[in-house]
Amino acid sequence: MLDVNGKPLVDGASVRLLHAPPELLHGLPSEDQEAIQWAARGASMRLVGKDDYGNVELEFKDFSGTRHWIFVRPTIVMAI
């Protein structure tokens, strides 16, 4: 699996979410939407897995220390 720049994505890698896609935010509680949008503005995330649909699983702590896990397309992720 490759990031937006063609760099391989491996479990445990530090990554950045380049933007929060509307389909990810749709239907989530406002506090989760805010946390994901905050993270997309430059927070470091950790790649913790992949699913059978070609998505990567990311883990991050938001501004209040709450831990979140999200699945996104690897094309909106950049390895750091």
Protein backbone atom coordinates (compact mmCIF):
# COMPACT_ATOMS: atom_id res chain seq x y z
CA MET A 1 0.00 0.00 0.00
CA LEU A 2 1.35 3.44 -0.98
CA ASP A 3 0.75 6.95 0.32
CA VAL A 4 -0.08 10.00 -1.81
CA ASN A 5 3.61 10.32 -2.80
CA GLY A 6 4.08 6.65 -3.65
CA LYS A 7 5.92 5.86 -0.39
CA PRO A 8 5.13 2.43 1.12
CA LEU A 9 2.86 2.51 4.18
CA VAL A 10 3.83 0.06 6.91
CA ASP A 11 2.20 -0.72 10.25
CA GLY A 12 3.45 1.60 12.96
CA ALA A 13 4.43 4.37 10.54
CA SER A 14 3.82 8.01 11.46
CA VAL A 15 1.55 9.66 8.92
CA ARG A 16 -0.48 12.80 8.32
CA LEU A 17 -4.05 12.95 7.06
CA LEU A 18 -4.11 15.45 4.19
CA HIS A 19 -7.80 16.30 4.48
CA ALA A 20 -10.99 15.05 6.11
CA PRO A 21 -13.23 13.67 3.36
CA PRO A 22 -16.94 14.51 3.70
CA GLU A 23 -17.91 10.83 3.48
CA LEU A 24 -15.79 10.14 6.56
CA LEU A 25 -17.41 12.92 8.57
CA HIS A 26 -21.00 12.33 7.43
CA GLY A 27 -23.20 11.09 10.26
CA LEU A 28 -20.54 11.32 12.99
CA PRO A 29 -21.18 13.19 16.23
CA SER A 30 -19.89 16.77 16.09
CA GLU A 31 -17.09 16.07 18.59
CA ASP A 32 -15.72 13.29 16.36
CA GLN A 33 -15.99 15.49 13.27
CA GLU A 34 -14.09 18.26 15.07
CA ALA A 35 -11.36 15.85 16.19
CA ILE A 36 -10.84 14.48 12.67
CA GLN A 37 -10.80 17.97 11.15
CA TRP A 38 -8.32 19.07 13.82
CA ALA A 39 -6.09 16.06 13.05
CA ALA A 40 -6.23 16.81 9.32
CA ARG A 41 -4.65 20.20 10.03
CA GLY A 42 -1.31 18.56 10.81
CA ALA A 43 -1.52 16.16 13.73
CA SER A 44 0.72 13.13 13.58
CA MET A 45 -1.13 9.83 13.38
CA ARG A 46 0.01 6.23 13.58
CA LEU A 47 -0.87 3.65 10.95
CA VAL A 48 -2.15 0.63 12.87
CA GLY A 49 -3.61 -1.59 10.17
CA LYS A 50 -5.41 -2.10 6.90
CA ASP A 51 -8.76 -3.52 5.89
CA ASP A 52 -9.92 -5.80 3.09
CA TYR A 53 -11.18 -2.80 1.07
CA GLY A 54 -7.84 -1.04 0.56
CA ASN A 55 -8.18 1.43 3.44
CA VAL A 56 -5.60 2.14 6.12
CA GLU A 57 -6.48 2.37 9.80
CA LEU A 58 -5.10 5.41 11.61
CA GLU A 59 -4.92 6.08 15.33
CA PHE A 60 -4.56 9.51 16.90
CA LYS A 61 -5.20 11.45 20.07
CA ASP A 62 -7.21 14.64 19.70
CA PHE A 63 -6.66 18.01 21.39
CA SER A 64 -8.34 16.75 24.58
CA GLY A 65 -6.39 13.48 24.72
CA THR A 66 -9.22 11.24 23.46
CA ARG A 67 -7.98 8.40 21.27
CA HIS A 68 -9.61 7.87 17.85
CA TRP A 69 -9.33 5.26 15.09
CA ILE A 70 -10.39 5.94 11.52
CA PHE A 71 -10.21 4.13 8.18
CA VAL A 72 -9.28 6.19 5.11
CA ARG A 73 -7.96 5.71 1.58
CA PRO A 74 -4.14 5.66 1.50
CA THR A 75 -4.20 8.34 -1.22
CA ILE A 76 -5.11 10.99 1.39
CA VAL A 77 -2.31 9.97 3.73
CA MET A 78 1.32 11.12 3.69
CA ALA A 79 4.08 9.20 5.47
CA ILE A 80 6.31 11.40 7.63
